[in-house]
Amino acid sequence: MDALETLKSLTAQMHLEPAEDTGCPQIPEWSKADFPTSRAVLPNGKTIKLLKTLQTSACERNCYYCPFRAGGNYRRATLKPEEMARAFNALYRGGAVEGIFLSSGIIKGGVTTQDKLLATAEILRRKYTYRGYLHLKVMPGAEKDQVLQAMRLADRVSVNLEAPNSHRLGLLAPKKQFSDELIQPLRWAQQIRKDLPAHQAWNGRWPSTVTQFVMGAVGESDLELLSTTQYLYDQLRLSRTYYSRFNPAENTPFADRPPAIPIREHRLYAASFLLRDYQFDLEELPFQADGNLPLNTDPKLAWARLHLAGSPIELNKADREALLRVPGVGPKGAIKLLKARRQKRLRELSQLRKLGINPQKAAPFILLDGARPAYQPALL
């Protein structure tokens, strides 16, 4: 089997995994070169065809949810760094793909596996002068110098925590160490961004860092997940946390467990954005007695019903932080609103619609020039 055929096999296998983070939204599709790709939206809004693949699908770890776990009955494939770089370069130069997300199973330890990933990235950047998007996975147990090299080569670096704490990780992936193997590389990445000049990165900017959780496999609560999420945002400056809904894979110890509820994944993302972009604190999120968010209500709307229904916010006077608490008002909408009210007072819901704010969502929780606006309540 030549390198392109092996790469196709590895990429197809990657798409069969429980959803791994690509650092951006994805929709599986087939490229014109008959390779499975992801349509990825980058932070600048540009959409690219992303090749999401593995250096090897062989693995010595025994994560209970993963079809590639050690001892699993699965056909394995591997590419050497030069083979991987050459095959991707051919696809890239041919216009079949526009970026790469490179991960791997673990063979001979995380350090050895990380060396192979770094070697592939180095060949792409140096030998093939590749200047496009590169998302590089950091393996469990990678060393600090390896994290630095990854930061110098990639546009985005990720470490999959998989679970929110060491207890839950032990139930999900017993051979992984939460603090020493997974959190530590993220700490190093943040330290590098703080202490070293960004011109050391390949494009003059240190890459962003992200992580991913497997949600719903081992009984973790939303409070557990979002507590760790807040720590990652506040202390380690991650750009985003991803929540991969658990789906059981055949021939794994978790094959008989039920899949996670899709709406729970949606609620977790909404809550994580409140922590990251809307200046909410963890204590303000509307957790139920069992530590989970309500499934039947968006968390921002649930908060507003508790705190704003009887104390509406005057849009002509509120500061940005208060405006962000109003359903229907996002970060961009808050900026537009602050700018618009310097020109004239806001008195009608139609003025909000012109600013890109959803007036029906906002109306129950606001005042416009001292009065509650008239609106048609949504049918339940």
Protein backbone atom coordinates (compact mmCIF):
# COMPACT_ATOMS: atom_id res chain seq x y z
CA MET A 1 0.00 0.00 0.00
CA ASP A 2 1.50 3.38 -0.99
CA ALA A 3 1.56 6.43 1.30
CA LEU A 4 -1.57 8.05 -0.15
CA GLU A 5 -3.60 4.87 0.24
CA THR A 6 -2.35 4.45 3.82
CA LEU A 7 -3.19 8.08 4.55
CA LYS A 8 -6.67 7.52 3.18
CA SER A 9 -7.07 4.53 5.51
CA LEU A 10 -5.82 6.48 8.54
CA THR A 11 -8.09 9.41 7.75
CA ALA A 12 -11.14 7.18 7.34
CA GLN A 13 -10.31 5.54 10.69
CA MET A 14 -10.02 8.94 12.35
CA HIS A 15 -13.56 9.77 11.23
CA LEU A 16 -14.81 6.58 12.88
CA GLU A 17 -13.49 7.64 16.29
CA PRO A 18 -15.69 9.29 18.90
CA ALA A 19 -15.54 12.91 17.75
CA GLU A 20 -12.10 14.39 18.25
CA ASP A 21 -11.67 18.15 18.46
CA THR A 22 -10.50 19.81 15.25
CA GLY A 23 -10.32 23.20 16.85
CA CYS A 24 -13.28 24.35 14.80
CA PRO A 25 -16.75 23.24 13.72
CA GLN A 26 -16.72 20.30 11.32
CA ILE A 27 -19.00 18.54 8.87
CA PRO A 28 -17.61 15.28 7.41
CA GLU A 29 -17.61 15.24 3.62
CA TRP A 30 -15.68 13.68 0.74
CA SER A 31 -13.16 15.81 -1.10
CA LYS A 32 -12.64 15.71 -4.84
CA ALA A 33 -9.59 13.49 -4.21
CA ASP A 34 -11.90 10.95 -2.55
CA PHE A 35 -10.43 11.67 0.90
CA PRO A 36 -12.65 12.21 3.94
CA THR A 37 -12.20 15.83 5.05
CA SER A 38 -13.74 18.23 7.53
CA ARG A 39 -15.07 21.63 6.59
CA ALA A 40 -13.37 23.79 9.21
CA VAL A 41 -14.14 27.39 10.16
CA LEU A 42 -11.00 29.19 11.34
CA PRO A 43 -10.97 32.03 13.91
CA ASN A 44 -10.80 34.60 11.09
CA GLY A 45 -14.03 33.21 9.63
CA LYS A 46 -12.39 31.53 6.65
CA THR A 47 -13.66 28.05 5.78
CA ILE A 48 -11.14 25.43 4.73
CA LYS A 49 -11.10 21.73 3.86
CA LEU A 50 -9.25 20.14 6.75
CA LEU A 51 -7.54 16.75 6.57
CA LYS A 52 -8.07 15.23 10.00
CA THR A 53 -5.81 12.21 10.34
CA LEU A 54 -3.61 9.96 12.47
CA GLN A 55 0.10 9.24 12.30
CA THR A 56 -0.80 5.73 13.41
CA SER A 57 -4.01 4.01 14.49
CA ALA A 58 -2.04 1.55 16.64
CA CYS A 59 -2.17 2.35 20.36
CA GLU A 60 -0.83 0.87 23.58
CA ARG A 61 -3.32 2.65 25.86
CA ASN A 62 -6.60 1.02 26.86
CA CYS A 63 -9.10 3.88 26.98
CA TYR A 64 -12.40 2.13 27.54
CA TYR A 65 -14.43 4.10 24.98
CA CYS A 66 -11.94 4.06 22.09
CA PRO A 67 -12.06 1.58 19.16
CA PHE A 68 -8.27 1.91 18.74
CA ARG A 69 -7.52 0.80 22.31
CA ALA A 70 -4.77 -1.74 22.93
CA GLY A 71 -5.93 -5.27 22.24
CA GLY A 72 -8.85 -4.18 20.12
CA ASN A 73 -9.68 -6.17 17.02
CA TYR A 74 -9.01 -3.42 14.52
CA ARG A 75 -6.86 -3.16 11.42
CA ARG A 76 -4.01 -0.73 12.13
CA ALA A 77 -2.17 1.61 9.78
CA THR A 78 0.95 3.74 10.22
CA LEU A 79 2.89 6.32 8.23
CA LYS A 80 6.43 7.47 8.90
CA PRO A 81 6.92 11.24 9.23
CA GLU A 82 8.38 11.63 5.73
CA GLU A 83 5.60 9.54 4.22
CA MET A 84 2.89 11.50 6.02
CA ALA A 85 4.37 14.87 5.05
CA ARG A 86 4.88 13.85 1.42
CA ALA A 87 1.35 12.45 1.09
CA PHE A 88 -0.28 15.50 2.67
CA ASN A 89 1.82 17.85 0.55
CA ALA A 90 0.61 16.09 -2.61
CA LEU A 91 -3.00 16.55 -1.52
CA TYR A 92 -2.41 20.16 -0.54
CA ARG A 93 -0.61 21.09 -3.75
CA GLY A 94 -3.37 19.39 -5.72
CA GLY A 95 -6.05 21.49 -4.02
CA ALA A 96 -7.79 18.54 -2.37
CA VAL A 97 -7.20 19.88 1.18
CA GLU A 98 -6.27 23.22 2.70
CA GLY A 99 -5.11 22.33 6.22
CA ILE A 100 -4.25 19.44 8.49
CA PHE A 101 -5.18 18.25 11.98
CA LEU A 102 -2.60 15.66 13.01
CA SER A 103 -3.10 13.27 15.92
CA SER A 104 -1.92 9.74 16.68
CA GLY A 105 -2.34 6.59 18.64
CA ILE A 106 0.38 6.09 21.24
CA ILE A 107 3.18 3.61 20.57
CA LYS A 108 6.35 3.32 22.71
CA GLY A 109 5.12 6.08 25.00
CA GLY A 110 3.92 9.63 24.56
CA VAL A 111 7.41 11.09 24.13
CA THR A 112 8.33 8.81 21.22
CA THR A 113 4.96 9.34 19.58
CA GLN A 114 5.25 13.11 19.99
CA ASP A 115 8.65 13.03 18.30
CA LYS A 116 7.03 11.49 15.22
CA LEU A 117 4.30 14.11 15.12
CA LEU A 118 6.86 16.89 15.48
CA ALA A 119 9.03 15.36 12.79
CA THR A 120 6.09 15.37 10.38
CA ALA A 121 5.32 19.01 11.20
CA GLU A 122 8.97 19.97 10.82
CA ILE A 123 9.19 18.35 7.38
CA LEU A 124 6.01 20.12 6.26
CA ARG A 125 7.19 23.53 7.42
CA ARG A 126 10.89 23.25 6.43
CA LYS A 127 11.19 20.87 3.53
CA TYR A 128 7.86 21.49 1.82
CA THR A 129 7.60 25.16 2.96
CA TYR A 130 3.99 24.56 3.99
CA ARG A 131 2.48 27.81 5.28
CA GLY A 132 -1.09 26.66 5.80
CA TYR A 133 -3.13 25.70 8.84
CA LEU A 134 -1.65 23.02 11.12
CA HIS A 135 -3.38 21.75 14.26
CA LEU A 136 -1.03 19.51 16.21
CA LYS A 137 -2.06 17.17 19.00
CA VAL A 138 0.13 16.95 22.12
CA MET A 139 0.38 13.39 23.41
CA PRO A 140 -0.10 12.39 27.06
CA GLY A 141 3.26 12.61 28.82
CA ALA A 142 4.94 14.87 26.25
CA GLU A 143 7.94 16.80 27.56
CA LYS A 144 8.21 20.56 27.92
CA ASP A 145 10.68 20.95 25.05
CA GLN A 146 8.29 19.02 22.82
CA VAL A 147 5.43 21.34 23.74
CA LEU A 148 7.66 24.31 22.86
CA GLN A 149 8.53 22.79 19.50
CA ALA A 150 4.85 22.14 18.80
CA MET A 151 4.08 25.77 19.66
CA ARG A 152 6.75 26.89 17.20
CA LEU A 153 5.31 24.83 14.34
CA ALA A 154 1.51 24.81 14.71
CA ASP A 155 -1.37 27.25 14.42
CA ARG A 156 -3.29 25.40 17.11
CA VAL A 157 -2.18 22.91 19.78
CA SER A 158 -4.50 20.63 21.71
CA VAL A 159 -4.36 18.24 24.64
CA ASN A 160 -7.42 16.05 25.12
CA LEU A 161 -8.29 15.97 28.82
CA GLU A 162 -11.19 13.60 28.08
CA ALA A 163 -12.49 13.87 31.65
CA PRO A 164 -12.91 16.81 34.07
CA ASN A 165 -10.79 15.39 36.90
CA SER A 166 -8.58 12.48 37.89
CA HIS A 167 -11.44 10.42 39.33
CA ARG A 168 -13.48 10.48 36.14
CA LEU A 169 -10.40 9.94 33.99
CA GLY A 170 -9.61 6.78 35.94
CA LEU A 171 -13.02 5.43 34.97
CA LEU A 172 -12.61 6.42 31.33
CA ALA A 173 -8.93 5.96 30.52
CA PRO A 174 -7.16 4.24 33.44
CA LYS A 175 -3.62 4.45 32.05
CA LYS A 176 -3.69 8.23 31.75
CA GLN A 177 -2.67 10.66 34.49
CA PHE A 178 -4.83 13.77 34.66
CA SER A 179 -2.46 16.32 36.17
CA ASP A 180 1.02 15.12 35.16
CA GLU A 181 0.26 13.92 31.62
CA LEU A 182 -2.61 16.12 30.47
CA ILE A 183 -2.92 19.35 32.45
CA GLN A 184 0.84 19.92 32.66
CA PRO A 185 1.38 20.38 28.88
CA LEU A 186 -1.38 23.00 28.87
CA ARG A 187 0.35 24.80 31.73
CA TRP A 188 3.60 24.76 29.77
CA ALA A 189 1.86 26.15 26.69
CA GLN A 190 0.50 29.08 28.68
CA GLN A 191 3.90 29.66 30.29
CA ILE A 192 5.50 29.75 26.84
CA ARG A 193 3.01 32.37 25.65
CA LYS A 194 3.73 34.50 28.73
CA ASP A 195 7.51 34.18 28.90
CA LEU A 196 8.82 33.87 25.34
CA PRO A 197 8.58 36.32 22.43
CA ALA A 198 6.00 35.39 19.81
CA HIS A 199 8.45 35.86 16.94
CA GLN A 200 9.73 32.37 17.81
CA ALA A 201 6.50 30.91 16.40
CA TRP A 202 6.47 30.03 12.71
CA ASN A 203 4.13 32.92 11.79
CA GLY A 204 4.96 35.38 14.57
CA ARG A 205 2.02 34.35 16.79
CA TRP A 206 1.88 31.69 19.46
CA PRO A 207 -0.79 29.11 18.63
CA SER A 208 -4.04 28.88 20.52
CA THR A 209 -4.70 25.90 22.79
CA VAL A 210 -7.88 23.85 23.08
CA THR A 211 -9.06 20.66 24.72
CA GLN A 212 -11.85 18.11 24.41
CA PHE A 213 -13.94 16.13 26.89
CA VAL A 214 -15.74 12.85 26.28
CA MET A 215 -19.16 13.70 27.71
CA GLY A 216 -21.63 11.24 29.16
CA ALA A 217 -19.63 8.02 29.47
CA VAL A 218 -18.72 7.81 33.17
CA GLY A 219 -21.37 9.78 35.07
CA GLU A 220 -19.61 13.12 35.27
CA SER A 221 -21.89 16.10 36.00
CA ASP A 222 -22.10 19.36 34.08
CA LEU A 223 -20.79 21.09 37.21
CA GLU A 224 -17.64 18.94 37.08
CA LEU A 225 -17.09 19.66 33.39
CA LEU A 226 -17.73 23.38 33.66
CA SER A 227 -15.63 23.78 36.82
CA THR A 228 -12.65 22.49 34.87
CA THR A 229 -13.68 24.58 31.87
CA GLN A 230 -13.62 27.78 33.92
CA TYR A 231 -10.16 26.91 35.27
CA LEU A 232 -8.89 26.31 31.72
CA TYR A 233 -10.27 29.62 30.48
CA ASP A 234 -9.22 31.73 33.45
CA GLN A 235 -5.86 30.22 34.37
CA LEU A 236 -4.52 28.54 31.23
CA ARG A 237 -6.15 30.82 28.63
CA LEU A 238 -7.55 28.09 26.42
CA SER A 239 -9.37 29.35 23.37
CA ARG A 240 -12.11 26.77 23.61
CA THR A 241 -13.21 23.58 25.29
CA TYR A 242 -14.98 20.94 23.21
CA TYR A 243 -17.54 18.41 24.42
CA SER A 244 -17.64 15.18 22.46
CA ARG A 245 -20.87 13.31 23.07
CA PHE A 246 -20.18 9.69 24.00
CA ASN A 247 -21.30 7.11 21.48
CA PRO A 248 -20.53 3.45 22.27
CA ALA A 249 -18.08 1.70 19.94
CA GLU A 250 -18.18 -2.01 19.24
CA ASN A 251 -15.63 -4.30 20.89
CA THR A 252 -14.88 -1.87 23.71
CA PRO A 253 -15.67 -2.18 27.44
CA PHE A 254 -18.25 0.59 27.00
CA ALA A 255 -20.01 -1.01 24.05
CA ASP A 256 -23.19 -1.63 26.09
CA ARG A 257 -23.42 1.83 27.65
CA PRO A 258 -26.12 4.19 26.34
CA PRO A 259 -25.08 7.15 24.18
CA ALA A 260 -25.11 10.60 25.74
CA ILE A 261 -28.12 12.84 25.19
CA PRO A 262 -27.47 15.23 22.26
CA ILE A 263 -29.16 18.25 23.88
CA ARG A 264 -26.81 17.99 26.87
CA GLU A 265 -23.86 18.62 24.58
CA HIS A 266 -25.61 21.72 23.25
CA ARG A 267 -26.29 23.06 26.76
CA LEU A 268 -22.65 22.53 27.78
CA TYR A 269 -21.42 24.54 24.81
CA ALA A 270 -23.84 27.35 25.59
CA ALA A 271 -22.72 27.43 29.23
CA SER A 272 -19.04 27.36 28.30
CA PHE A 273 -19.55 30.41 26.06
CA LEU A 274 -21.19 32.21 28.99
CA LEU A 275 -18.01 31.61 30.98
CA ARG A 276 -15.68 32.57 28.13
CA ASP A 277 -17.46 35.42 26.35
CA TYR A 278 -20.26 36.72 28.59
CA GLN A 279 -18.43 37.31 31.90
CA PHE A 280 -20.53 34.79 33.83
CA ASP A 281 -19.05 33.01 36.83
CA LEU A 282 -19.52 29.32 37.47
CA GLU A 283 -21.67 30.07 40.53
CA GLU A 284 -24.16 31.98 38.36
CA LEU A 285 -24.97 29.07 36.06
CA PRO A 286 -28.38 27.47 36.76
CA PHE A 287 -27.27 24.06 37.97
CA GLN A 288 -29.90 21.69 39.32
CA ALA A 289 -29.54 19.70 42.54
CA ASP A 290 -27.77 16.87 40.68
CA GLY A 291 -25.10 19.23 39.32
CA ASN A 292 -26.48 19.25 35.77
CA LEU A 293 -27.94 22.05 33.69
CA PRO A 294 -31.64 21.94 32.81
CA LEU A 295 -32.08 20.28 29.44
CA ASN A 296 -35.30 22.05 28.51
CA THR A 297 -33.92 25.60 28.74
CA ASP A 298 -30.91 27.48 27.44
CA PRO A 299 -28.72 28.33 30.48
CA LYS A 300 -28.67 32.06 29.76
CA LEU A 301 -32.45 32.14 29.47
CA ALA A 302 -32.78 30.12 32.69
CA TRP A 303 -30.56 32.65 34.49
CA ALA A 304 -32.51 35.61 33.08
CA ARG A 305 -35.85 34.18 34.20
CA LEU A 306 -34.51 33.95 37.74
CA HIS A 307 -32.77 37.32 37.89
CA LEU A 308 -34.16 39.69 35.25
CA ALA A 309 -37.86 38.90 34.90
CA GLY A 310 -38.62 41.08 37.95
CA SER A 311 -35.67 43.45 37.55
CA PRO A 312 -35.38 44.27 33.85
CA ILE A 313 -32.31 46.01 32.46
CA GLU A 314 -32.59 49.50 31.00
CA LEU A 315 -30.81 49.24 27.66
CA ASN A 316 -30.13 52.98 27.50
CA LYS A 317 -28.10 52.93 30.72
CA ALA A 318 -26.64 49.45 31.27
CA ASP A 319 -22.94 48.79 30.87
CA ARG A 320 -21.54 46.10 28.60
CA GLU A 321 -21.43 43.44 31.32
CA ALA A 322 -25.11 43.96 32.14
CA LEU A 323 -26.10 43.98 28.47
CA LEU A 324 -24.43 40.61 27.97
CA ARG A 325 -26.82 39.13 30.55
CA VAL A 326 -29.83 39.85 28.33
CA PRO A 327 -31.03 36.92 26.17
CA GLY A 328 -30.62 37.74 22.51
CA VAL A 329 -27.66 40.08 23.11
CA GLY A 330 -24.24 38.73 22.22
CA PRO A 331 -20.78 40.34 22.40
CA LYS A 332 -21.12 41.96 18.96
CA GLY A 333 -24.67 43.06 19.67
CA ALA A 334 -23.63 44.69 22.94
CA ILE A 335 -20.96 46.74 21.15
CA LYS A 336 -23.44 47.83 18.47
CA LEU A 337 -26.00 48.73 21.13
CA LEU A 338 -23.54 50.88 23.09
CA LYS A 339 -22.62 52.70 19.88
CA ALA A 340 -26.23 53.16 18.73
CA ARG A 341 -27.49 54.65 21.97
CA ARG A 342 -24.84 57.37 21.79
CA GLN A 343 -26.63 58.56 18.67
CA LYS A 344 -30.21 58.40 19.99
CA ARG A 345 -32.24 56.79 22.74
CA LEU A 346 -33.60 53.32 22.19
CA ARG A 347 -37.39 53.23 22.43
CA GLU A 348 -38.61 50.50 20.05
CA LEU A 349 -37.88 46.80 19.60
CA SER A 350 -37.45 47.46 15.89
CA GLN A 351 -34.28 49.38 16.73
CA LEU A 352 -32.82 46.26 18.33
CA ARG A 353 -33.62 44.15 15.28
CA LYS A 354 -31.59 46.55 13.12
CA LEU A 355 -28.63 45.99 15.46
CA GLY A 356 -28.79 42.22 14.98
CA ILE A 357 -30.37 41.62 18.40
CA ASN A 358 -33.29 39.21 18.70
CA PRO A 359 -36.07 41.42 20.12
CA GLN A 360 -38.38 38.54 21.09
CA LYS A 361 -35.68 36.96 23.25
CA ALA A 362 -34.72 40.26 24.86
CA ALA A 363 -38.15 41.83 25.38
CA PRO A 364 -39.21 40.08 28.65
CA PHE A 365 -36.02 41.22 30.40
CA ILE A 366 -35.46 44.85 29.34
CA LEU A 367 -36.69 48.41 29.63
CA LEU A 368 -36.59 50.84 26.71
CA ASP A 369 -36.55 54.45 27.90
CA GLY A 370 -38.04 53.38 31.23
CA ALA A 371 -40.87 51.25 29.84
CA ARG A 372 -41.32 47.55 29.23
CA PRO A 373 -41.67 46.98 25.48
CA ALA A 374 -44.77 45.36 24.08
CA TYR A 375 -44.12 41.97 22.55
CA GLN A 376 -45.85 38.74 21.63
CA PRO A 377 -44.81 35.98 24.11
CA ALA A 378 -43.45 32.87 22.44
CA LEU A 379 -45.77 29.86 22.39
CA LEU A 380 -44.50 27.02 24.58
